[in-house]
Amino acid sequence: MPPLSIAIICKNSQRTIRPVLESVRPLIASGGEIVAVDSGSTDDTIAILDAAGARVIREQWHGFCGNKNIALDACTHDWVLHLDSDEPVMPDLCASILAALASPEADAYRVNRKIWYRGRPLNYAWQPEWRLRLHRRGNARWAGAEPHPSLVLLRSGTVRDLPGTLRHDSFETFIEHLTRQVSYSRIGAEALAREGVRGSRWRLFSSPIGAFLKQIVLKSAWRDGVPGWLAAATSAAGALMKHAALLELTRMQRPPDRT
C-alpha cells in the first residue's frame, strides 16, 4: 500500500483531536504522515499532535480554504486524506480507505460524513453528506465560499464513493451549534456579498422555511427523534441569520438617498 498523507487544520481542538489521531493509526502504519496546520492553539492541541508524531505547522488564520490548502501543500505522499480536527475515521471507512489505496480504482474518493450527537449518529438529518476527501496529490485544491469550501478536482478523473462512515463530532449540544451558527452565518453572508449576491426580504422569509422542510421532509430527520427536529431547527436558524446579515449588508452598500 502506498504511504498516505493526512492533512488536518486545527485550533484549540483538544476535546476532539485525540480520537481523530487514534482512528488513523492503521492508515499511516506503512510510512504515512499526519500534517497539521495549527492557527494559534492555547490548549493542549499541539502537545497531543506531537505525541502522535504529527508534523505541526504553526500558521496564522487565512480562512478555512487558505489553511486547508497550506496543509495540502505540505503533504509529501502521493495520496492525501483531508480531515477536520473533529472527524474520526470509523473502522468500516478505515478498511475501505486501506482497500482503495492498495488497489486504486479511481483518482479521488468521496466519504459520507455523519453528525454524532450524545454518542449516537444522526442517520437522517443532513444525510447523506458525501464529501470529496481522498485524492491523488496534485489533482485537487480547496476552493469556494467561506465558511464551507469544497475540495475540487483540478482535472477530470474518476471519482468513487467509499463505504463506511466519517464520524463528525461537531458539537456536544445544539445550543453550542446555534452559537457557532452565528459566526458561520456572518462569514457566509460576507462571502456572498463579496460575490455580488444581494439580500432580499423574500429570501429572508423563504430560506429558513426551506431549510427546515428540507431536513424534516426530504431528509426524514424526524426519524432521528428529537435530535432530528433540533437539527432542522438549527438549520433554519442558520439560514435566517445568514440572509438577515446579507440583507443588512446589501442595504449598507447602497448609496444614501439624497432626496
C-alpha atoms as a PDB file:
ATOM      1  CA  MET A   1       0.000   0.000   0.000  1.00  0.00           C
ATOM      2  CA  PRO A   2       1.391   3.441  -0.863  1.00  0.00           C
ATOM      3  CA  PRO A   3       2.001   5.729   2.113  1.00  0.00           C
ATOM      4  CA  LEU A   4      -0.725   8.240   2.888  1.00  0.00           C
ATOM      5  CA  SER A   5      -0.604  11.892   3.936  1.00  0.00           C
ATOM      6  CA  ILE A   6      -3.346  13.053   6.305  1.00  0.00           C
ATOM      7  CA  ALA A   7      -3.993  16.807   6.291  1.00  0.00           C
ATOM      8  CA  ILE A   8      -5.697  18.478   9.272  1.00  0.00           C
ATOM      9  CA  ILE A   9      -6.310  22.081  10.313  1.00  0.00           C
ATOM     10  CA  CYS A  10      -6.945  22.874  13.951  1.00  0.00           C
ATOM     11  CA  LYS A  11      -7.108  25.404  16.761  1.00  0.00           C
ATOM     12  CA  ASN A  12      -7.875  24.628  20.402  1.00  0.00           C
ATOM     13  CA  SER A  13      -9.101  21.171  19.435  1.00  0.00           C
ATOM     14  CA  GLN A  14      -8.000  19.185  22.464  1.00  0.00           C
ATOM     15  CA  ARG A  15     -11.547  17.894  23.051  1.00  0.00           C
ATOM     16  CA  THR A  16     -11.784  16.171  19.663  1.00  0.00           C
ATOM     17  CA  ILE A  17      -8.312  15.755  18.148  1.00  0.00           C
ATOM     18  CA  ARG A  18      -7.182  12.700  20.130  1.00  0.00           C
ATOM     19  CA  PRO A  19      -9.896  10.328  18.777  1.00  0.00           C
ATOM     20  CA  VAL A  20      -9.103  11.538  15.259  1.00  0.00           C
ATOM     21  CA  LEU A  21      -5.414  10.715  15.651  1.00  0.00           C
ATOM     22  CA  GLU A  22      -6.142   7.330  17.183  1.00  0.00           C
ATOM     23  CA  SER A  23      -8.554   6.470  14.367  1.00  0.00           C
ATOM     24  CA  VAL A  24      -5.965   6.994  11.622  1.00  0.00           C
ATOM     25  CA  ARG A  25      -3.184   4.878  13.092  1.00  0.00           C
ATOM     26  CA  PRO A  26      -3.863   1.980  10.677  1.00  0.00           C
ATOM     27  CA  LEU A  27      -3.782   4.430   7.757  1.00  0.00           C
ATOM     28  CA  ILE A  28      -0.265   5.689   8.470  1.00  0.00           C
ATOM     29  CA  ALA A  29       1.219   2.394   9.662  1.00  0.00           C
ATOM     30  CA  SER A  30       3.070   1.856   6.369  1.00  0.00           C
ATOM     31  CA  GLY A  31       5.100   5.057   6.484  1.00  0.00           C
ATOM     32  CA  GLY A  32       2.343   7.650   6.248  1.00  0.00           C
ATOM     33  CA  GLU A  33       2.302  11.086   7.812  1.00  0.00           C
ATOM     34  CA  ILE A  34      -0.009  13.488   9.618  1.00  0.00           C
ATOM     35  CA  VAL A  35       0.347  17.150   8.639  1.00  0.00           C
ATOM     36  CA  ALA A  36      -1.454  19.561  10.974  1.00  0.00           C
ATOM     37  CA  VAL A  37      -1.752  23.309  10.402  1.00  0.00           C
ATOM     38  CA  ASP A  38      -2.458  24.982  13.742  1.00  0.00           C
ATOM     39  CA  SER A  39      -3.661  28.579  13.815  1.00  0.00           C
ATOM     40  CA  GLY A  40      -2.805  29.521  17.388  1.00  0.00           C
ATOM     41  CA  SER A  41      -3.882  26.854  19.860  1.00  0.00           C
ATOM     42  CA  THR A  42      -3.551  27.804  23.528  1.00  0.00           C
ATOM     43  CA  ASP A  43      -4.712  24.454  24.934  1.00  0.00           C
ATOM     44  CA  ASP A  44      -3.081  21.003  24.676  1.00  0.00           C
ATOM     45  CA  THR A  45      -3.786  20.505  20.965  1.00  0.00           C
ATOM     46  CA  ILE A  46      -0.162  20.815  19.848  1.00  0.00           C
ATOM     47  CA  ALA A  47       1.101  18.563  22.654  1.00  0.00           C
ATOM     48  CA  ILE A  48      -1.407  15.888  21.596  1.00  0.00           C
ATOM     49  CA  LEU A  49      -0.301  16.217  17.959  1.00  0.00           C
ATOM     50  CA  ASP A  50       3.373  15.995  18.934  1.00  0.00           C
ATOM     51  CA  ALA A  51       2.726  12.862  20.973  1.00  0.00           C
ATOM     52  CA  ALA A  52       1.064  11.270  17.941  1.00  0.00           C
ATOM     53  CA  GLY A  53       4.083  12.041  15.742  1.00  0.00           C
ATOM     54  CA  ALA A  54       2.321  14.643  13.620  1.00  0.00           C
ATOM     55  CA  ARG A  55       4.211  17.357  11.771  1.00  0.00           C
ATOM     56  CA  VAL A  56       2.779  20.609  13.109  1.00  0.00           C
ATOM     57  CA  ILE A  57       2.889  23.810  11.058  1.00  0.00           C
ATOM     58  CA  ARG A  58       2.135  26.957  13.033  1.00  0.00           C
ATOM     59  CA  GLU A  59       0.369  29.413  10.768  1.00  0.00           C
ATOM     60  CA  GLN A  60      -1.910  32.414  11.160  1.00  0.00           C
ATOM     61  CA  TRP A  61      -5.522  32.144  10.111  1.00  0.00           C
ATOM     62  CA  HIS A  62      -6.110  32.562   6.360  1.00  0.00           C
ATOM     63  CA  GLY A  63      -9.655  31.250   6.356  1.00  0.00           C
ATOM     64  CA  PHE A  64     -10.760  27.630   6.092  1.00  0.00           C
ATOM     65  CA  CYS A  65      -9.844  27.439   2.420  1.00  0.00           C
ATOM     66  CA  GLY A  66      -6.442  29.075   2.885  1.00  0.00           C
ATOM     67  CA  ASN A  67      -5.322  26.930   5.805  1.00  0.00           C
ATOM     68  CA  LYS A  68      -6.595  23.715   4.248  1.00  0.00           C
ATOM     69  CA  ASN A  69      -4.545  24.436   1.129  1.00  0.00           C
ATOM     70  CA  ILE A  70      -1.487  25.173   3.273  1.00  0.00           C
ATOM     71  CA  ALA A  71      -1.885  21.738   4.845  1.00  0.00           C
ATOM     72  CA  LEU A  72      -2.356  20.167   1.418  1.00  0.00           C
ATOM     73  CA  ASP A  73       0.788  21.832   0.030  1.00  0.00           C
ATOM     74  CA  ALA A  74       2.830  20.487   2.949  1.00  0.00           C
ATOM     75  CA  CYS A  75       1.877  16.862   2.255  1.00  0.00           C
ATOM     76  CA  THR A  76       4.583  14.716   0.682  1.00  0.00           C
ATOM     77  CA  HIS A  77       2.945  11.412  -0.286  1.00  0.00           C
ATOM     78  CA  ASP A  78       1.072  10.511  -3.447  1.00  0.00           C
ATOM     79  CA  TRP A  79      -2.297  10.153  -1.726  1.00  0.00           C
ATOM     80  CA  VAL A  80      -3.861  12.712   0.630  1.00  0.00           C
ATOM     81  CA  LEU A  81      -6.748  12.302   3.064  1.00  0.00           C
ATOM     82  CA  HIS A  82      -8.311  15.505   4.424  1.00  0.00           C
ATOM     83  CA  LEU A  83      -9.861  15.512   7.893  1.00  0.00           C
ATOM     84  CA  ASP A  84     -11.181  18.154  10.232  1.00  0.00           C
ATOM     85  CA  SER A  85      -9.997  18.061  13.818  1.00  0.00           C
ATOM     86  CA  ASP A  86     -13.359  16.625  14.908  1.00  0.00           C
ATOM     87  CA  GLU A  87     -13.677  13.839  12.315  1.00  0.00           C
ATOM     88  CA  PRO A  88     -12.589  10.374  13.465  1.00  0.00           C
ATOM     89  CA  VAL A  89     -12.455   7.716  10.764  1.00  0.00           C
ATOM     90  CA  MET A  90     -14.756   4.855  11.727  1.00  0.00           C
ATOM     91  CA  PRO A  91     -13.350   1.304  11.351  1.00  0.00           C
ATOM     92  CA  ASP A  92     -15.531   0.482   8.324  1.00  0.00           C
ATOM     93  CA  LEU A  93     -14.311   3.575   6.461  1.00  0.00           C
ATOM     94  CA  CYS A  94     -10.727   2.895   7.530  1.00  0.00           C
ATOM     95  CA  ALA A  95     -10.949  -0.546   5.930  1.00  0.00           C
ATOM     96  CA  SER A  96     -12.375   0.978   2.740  1.00  0.00           C
ATOM     97  CA  ILE A  97      -9.566   3.533   2.535  1.00  0.00           C
ATOM     98  CA  LEU A  98      -6.918   0.844   3.004  1.00  0.00           C
ATOM     99  CA  ALA A  99      -8.506  -1.244   0.246  1.00  0.00           C
ATOM    100  CA  ALA A 100      -8.683   1.756  -2.103  1.00  0.00           C
ATOM    101  CA  LEU A 101      -5.030   2.605  -1.537  1.00  0.00           C
ATOM    102  CA  ALA A 102      -3.919  -0.996  -2.008  1.00  0.00           C
ATOM    103  CA  SER A 103      -5.726  -1.241  -5.351  1.00  0.00           C
ATOM    104  CA  PRO A 104      -6.813   2.198  -6.600  1.00  0.00           C
ATOM    105  CA  GLU A 105      -9.779   2.187  -8.959  1.00  0.00           C
ATOM    106  CA  ALA A 106     -10.261   5.970  -9.044  1.00  0.00           C
ATOM    107  CA  ASP A 107      -8.356   9.246  -8.899  1.00  0.00           C
ATOM    108  CA  ALA A 108     -10.361  10.525  -5.942  1.00  0.00           C
ATOM    109  CA  TYR A 109     -12.886   9.231  -3.448  1.00  0.00           C
ATOM    110  CA  ARG A 110     -15.835  10.627  -1.535  1.00  0.00           C
ATOM    111  CA  VAL A 111     -16.771   9.668   2.003  1.00  0.00           C
ATOM    112  CA  ASN A 112     -20.077  10.031   3.847  1.00  0.00           C
ATOM    113  CA  ARG A 113     -19.920  12.160   6.980  1.00  0.00           C
ATOM    114  CA  LYS A 114     -22.410  11.758   9.833  1.00  0.00           C
ATOM    115  CA  ILE A 115     -23.009  14.011  12.809  1.00  0.00           C
ATOM    116  CA  TRP A 116     -22.693  12.264  16.172  1.00  0.00           C
ATOM    117  CA  TYR A 117     -24.864  13.597  19.000  1.00  0.00           C
ATOM    118  CA  ARG A 118     -24.614  12.229  22.542  1.00  0.00           C
ATOM    119  CA  GLY A 119     -22.834   9.108  21.349  1.00  0.00           C
ATOM    120  CA  ARG A 120     -25.238   8.278  18.522  1.00  0.00           C
ATOM    121  CA  PRO A 121     -25.228   9.121  14.808  1.00  0.00           C
ATOM    122  CA  LEU A 122     -27.922  11.156  13.118  1.00  0.00           C
ATOM    123  CA  ASN A 123     -28.847   8.735  10.361  1.00  0.00           C
ATOM    124  CA  TYR A 124     -31.295  11.027   8.563  1.00  0.00           C
ATOM    125  CA  ALA A 125     -30.621  14.681   9.400  1.00  0.00           C
ATOM    126  CA  TRP A 126     -28.096  16.134   6.952  1.00  0.00           C
ATOM    127  CA  GLN A 127     -27.812  12.728   5.269  1.00  0.00           C
ATOM    128  CA  PRO A 128     -26.252  11.697   3.020  1.00  0.00           C
ATOM    129  CA  GLU A 129     -23.356  14.142   3.268  1.00  0.00           C
ATOM    130  CA  TRP A 130     -20.835  13.000   0.686  1.00  0.00           C
ATOM    131  CA  ARG A 131     -17.529  14.856   0.754  1.00  0.00           C
ATOM    132  CA  LEU A 132     -14.525  14.533  -1.544  1.00  0.00           C
ATOM    133  CA  ARG A 133     -11.691  13.843   0.904  1.00  0.00           C
ATOM    134  CA  LEU A 134      -9.227  11.291  -0.545  1.00  0.00           C
ATOM    135  CA  HIS A 135      -7.294  12.040  -3.734  1.00  0.00           C
ATOM    136  CA  ARG A 136      -4.004  11.758  -5.542  1.00  0.00           C
ATOM    137  CA  ARG A 137      -1.749  14.627  -4.569  1.00  0.00           C
ATOM    138  CA  GLY A 138      -1.636  17.352  -7.186  1.00  0.00           C
ATOM    139  CA  ASN A 139      -5.100  16.858  -8.658  1.00  0.00           C
ATOM    140  CA  ALA A 140      -7.286  18.739  -6.140  1.00  0.00           C
ATOM    141  CA  ARG A 141      -7.485  22.055  -4.281  1.00  0.00           C
ATOM    142  CA  TRP A 142      -9.786  23.660  -1.751  1.00  0.00           C
ATOM    143  CA  ALA A 143     -11.996  26.372  -3.225  1.00  0.00           C
ATOM    144  CA  GLY A 144     -15.344  28.052  -2.723  1.00  0.00           C
ATOM    145  CA  ALA A 145     -17.045  30.399  -0.310  1.00  0.00           C
ATOM    146  CA  GLU A 146     -16.299  30.520   3.394  1.00  0.00           C
ATOM    147  CA  PRO A 147     -17.001  29.018   5.853  1.00  0.00           C
ATOM    148  CA  HIS A 148     -17.622  25.789   3.907  1.00  0.00           C
ATOM    149  CA  PRO A 149     -15.178  25.481   0.992  1.00  0.00           C
ATOM    150  CA  SER A 150     -15.073  22.281  -1.027  1.00  0.00           C
ATOM    151  CA  LEU A 151     -12.285  20.094  -2.317  1.00  0.00           C
ATOM    152  CA  VAL A 152     -12.442  20.256  -6.118  1.00  0.00           C
ATOM    153  CA  LEU A 153     -10.548  18.331  -8.779  1.00  0.00           C
ATOM    154  CA  LEU A 154      -8.160  20.310 -10.952  1.00  0.00           C
ATOM    155  CA  ARG A 155      -8.632  17.984 -13.900  1.00  0.00           C
ATOM    156  CA  SER A 156     -11.143  15.373 -14.894  1.00  0.00           C
ATOM    157  CA  GLY A 157     -10.822  11.979 -13.292  1.00  0.00           C
ATOM    158  CA  THR A 158     -12.730   9.069 -11.857  1.00  0.00           C
ATOM    159  CA  VAL A 159     -14.424   9.699  -8.505  1.00  0.00           C
ATOM    160  CA  ARG A 160     -15.952   6.894  -6.464  1.00  0.00           C
ATOM    161  CA  ASP A 161     -17.736   6.638  -3.129  1.00  0.00           C
ATOM    162  CA  LEU A 162     -16.196   4.680  -0.276  1.00  0.00           C
ATOM    163  CA  PRO A 163     -18.320   2.520   2.027  1.00  0.00           C
ATOM    164  CA  GLY A 164     -18.153   3.423   5.683  1.00  0.00           C
ATOM    165  CA  THR A 165     -18.661   6.467   7.856  1.00  0.00           C
ATOM    166  CA  LEU A 166     -16.674   9.564   8.688  1.00  0.00           C
ATOM    167  CA  ARG A 167     -17.785  10.499  12.177  1.00  0.00           C
ATOM    168  CA  HIS A 168     -18.339  14.210  12.811  1.00  0.00           C
ATOM    169  CA  ASP A 169     -18.139  15.279  16.462  1.00  0.00           C
ATOM    170  CA  SER A 170     -19.035  18.827  15.530  1.00  0.00           C
ATOM    171  CA  PHE A 171     -20.814  19.854  18.729  1.00  0.00           C
ATOM    172  CA  GLU A 172     -21.833  18.481  22.117  1.00  0.00           C
ATOM    173  CA  THR A 173     -25.139  20.376  22.363  1.00  0.00           C
ATOM    174  CA  PHE A 174     -27.431  22.077  19.897  1.00  0.00           C
ATOM    175  CA  ILE A 175     -27.030  25.273  21.916  1.00  0.00           C
ATOM    176  CA  GLU A 176     -23.329  25.108  21.026  1.00  0.00           C
ATOM    177  CA  HIS A 177     -24.304  24.504  17.412  1.00  0.00           C
ATOM    178  CA  LEU A 178     -26.583  27.543  17.406  1.00  0.00           C
ATOM    179  CA  THR A 179     -23.807  29.689  18.861  1.00  0.00           C
ATOM    180  CA  ARG A 180     -21.474  28.570  16.096  1.00  0.00           C
ATOM    181  CA  GLN A 181     -24.149  29.298  13.520  1.00  0.00           C
ATOM    182  CA  VAL A 182     -23.956  32.992  14.422  1.00  0.00           C
ATOM    183  CA  SER A 183     -20.309  33.177  13.345  1.00  0.00           C
ATOM    184  CA  TYR A 184     -20.781  30.976  10.296  1.00  0.00           C
ATOM    185  CA  SER A 185     -23.813  32.998   9.189  1.00  0.00           C
ATOM    186  CA  ARG A 186     -21.820  36.219   9.309  1.00  0.00           C
ATOM    187  CA  ILE A 187     -18.914  34.690   7.375  1.00  0.00           C
ATOM    188  CA  GLY A 188     -21.285  33.204   4.802  1.00  0.00           C
ATOM    189  CA  ALA A 189     -23.172  36.466   4.317  1.00  0.00           C
ATOM    190  CA  GLU A 190     -19.956  38.436   3.888  1.00  0.00           C
ATOM    191  CA  ALA A 191     -18.706  35.905   1.318  1.00  0.00           C
ATOM    192  CA  LEU A 192     -21.952  36.163  -0.654  1.00  0.00           C
ATOM    193  CA  ALA A 193     -21.826  39.962  -0.526  1.00  0.00           C
ATOM    194  CA  ARG A 194     -18.289  39.959  -1.935  1.00  0.00           C
ATOM    195  CA  GLU A 195     -19.544  37.819  -4.815  1.00  0.00           C
ATOM    196  CA  GLY A 196     -22.211  40.404  -5.564  1.00  0.00           C
ATOM    197  CA  VAL A 197     -25.151  38.427  -4.201  1.00  0.00           C
ATOM    198  CA  ARG A 198     -27.849  40.737  -2.883  1.00  0.00           C
ATOM    199  CA  GLY A 199     -30.068  40.052   0.081  1.00  0.00           C
ATOM    200  CA  SER A 200     -33.839  40.173  -0.191  1.00  0.00           C
ATOM    201  CA  ARG A 201     -36.846  40.076   2.056  1.00  0.00           C
ATOM    202  CA  TRP A 202     -38.161  37.078   0.108  1.00  0.00           C
ATOM    203  CA  ARG A 203     -35.030  35.028   0.845  1.00  0.00           C
ATOM    204  CA  LEU A 204     -35.169  36.146   4.459  1.00  0.00           C
ATOM    205  CA  PHE A 205     -38.690  34.706   4.611  1.00  0.00           C
ATOM    206  CA  SER A 206     -38.370  31.613   2.430  1.00  0.00           C
ATOM    207  CA  SER A 207     -34.865  30.294   3.155  1.00  0.00           C
ATOM    208  CA  PRO A 208     -35.430  29.348   6.823  1.00  0.00           C
ATOM    209  CA  ILE A 209     -38.682  27.593   5.935  1.00  0.00           C
ATOM    210  CA  GLY A 210     -36.981  25.780   3.068  1.00  0.00           C
ATOM    211  CA  ALA A 211     -34.047  24.721   5.277  1.00  0.00           C
ATOM    212  CA  PHE A 212     -36.407  23.344   7.930  1.00  0.00           C
ATOM    213  CA  LEU A 213     -38.593  21.443   5.482  1.00  0.00           C
ATOM    214  CA  LYS A 214     -35.567  20.052   3.657  1.00  0.00           C
ATOM    215  CA  GLN A 215     -34.403  18.327   6.828  1.00  0.00           C
ATOM    216  CA  ILE A 216     -37.769  17.258   8.248  1.00  0.00           C
ATOM    217  CA  VAL A 217     -39.459  16.214   4.985  1.00  0.00           C
ATOM    218  CA  LEU A 218     -36.829  15.482   2.329  1.00  0.00           C
ATOM    219  CA  LYS A 219     -34.206  14.052   4.685  1.00  0.00           C
ATOM    220  CA  SER A 220     -36.766  12.485   7.069  1.00  0.00           C
ATOM    221  CA  ALA A 221     -34.905  13.980  10.037  1.00  0.00           C
ATOM    222  CA  TRP A 222     -37.967  13.297  12.209  1.00  0.00           C
ATOM    223  CA  ARG A 223     -36.849   9.655  12.206  1.00  0.00           C
ATOM    224  CA  ASP A 224     -33.865  10.687  14.342  1.00  0.00           C
ATOM    225  CA  GLY A 225     -36.311  11.712  17.076  1.00  0.00           C
ATOM    226  CA  VAL A 226     -35.875  14.971  18.974  1.00  0.00           C
ATOM    227  CA  PRO A 227     -32.270  15.438  17.711  1.00  0.00           C
ATOM    228  CA  GLY A 228     -33.617  15.384  14.158  1.00  0.00           C
ATOM    229  CA  TRP A 229     -36.097  18.159  14.932  1.00  0.00           C
ATOM    230  CA  LEU A 230     -33.317  20.148  16.596  1.00  0.00           C
ATOM    231  CA  ALA A 231     -31.114  19.662  13.537  1.00  0.00           C
ATOM    232  CA  ALA A 232     -33.877  21.031  11.323  1.00  0.00           C
ATOM    233  CA  ALA A 233     -34.408  23.960  13.694  1.00  0.00           C
ATOM    234  CA  THR A 234     -30.733  24.926  13.801  1.00  0.00           C
ATOM    235  CA  SER A 235     -30.526  24.668  10.004  1.00  0.00           C
ATOM    236  CA  ALA A 236     -33.458  27.069   9.751  1.00  0.00           C
ATOM    237  CA  ALA A 237     -31.886  29.403  12.303  1.00  0.00           C
ATOM    238  CA  GLY A 238     -28.625  29.447  10.363  1.00  0.00           C
ATOM    239  CA  ALA A 239     -30.431  30.293   7.122  1.00  0.00           C
ATOM    240  CA  LEU A 240     -32.381  33.049   8.874  1.00  0.00           C
ATOM    241  CA  MET A 241     -29.258  34.651  10.342  1.00  0.00           C
ATOM    242  CA  LYS A 242     -27.299  34.419   7.087  1.00  0.00           C
ATOM    243  CA  HIS A 243     -29.979  36.068   4.985  1.00  0.00           C
ATOM    244  CA  ALA A 244     -30.691  38.690   7.641  1.00  0.00           C
ATOM    245  CA  ALA A 245     -26.999  39.596   7.644  1.00  0.00           C
ATOM    246  CA  LEU A 246     -26.878  39.584   3.834  1.00  0.00           C
ATOM    247  CA  LEU A 247     -29.916  41.858   3.627  1.00  0.00           C
ATOM    248  CA  GLU A 248     -28.300  44.309   6.017  1.00  0.00           C
ATOM    249  CA  LEU A 249     -25.022  44.248   4.081  1.00  0.00           C
ATOM    250  CA  THR A 250     -26.922  44.886   0.850  1.00  0.00           C
ATOM    251  CA  ARG A 251     -28.669  47.925   2.335  1.00  0.00           C
ATOM    252  CA  MET A 252     -25.389  49.259   3.756  1.00  0.00           C
ATOM    253  CA  GLN A 253     -23.806  49.070   0.294  1.00  0.00           C
ATOM    254  CA  ARG A 254     -26.483  51.218  -1.308  1.00  0.00           C
ATOM    255  CA  PRO A 255     -25.666  54.903  -1.826  1.00  0.00           C
ATOM    256  CA  PRO A 256     -27.514  57.181   0.614  1.00  0.00           C
ATOM    257  CA  ASP A 257     -30.861  58.552  -0.513  1.00  0.00           C
ATOM    258  CA  ARG A 258     -30.322  62.299  -1.099  1.00  0.00           C
ATOM    259  CA  THR A 259     -33.947  63.130  -1.801  1.00  0.00           C
END
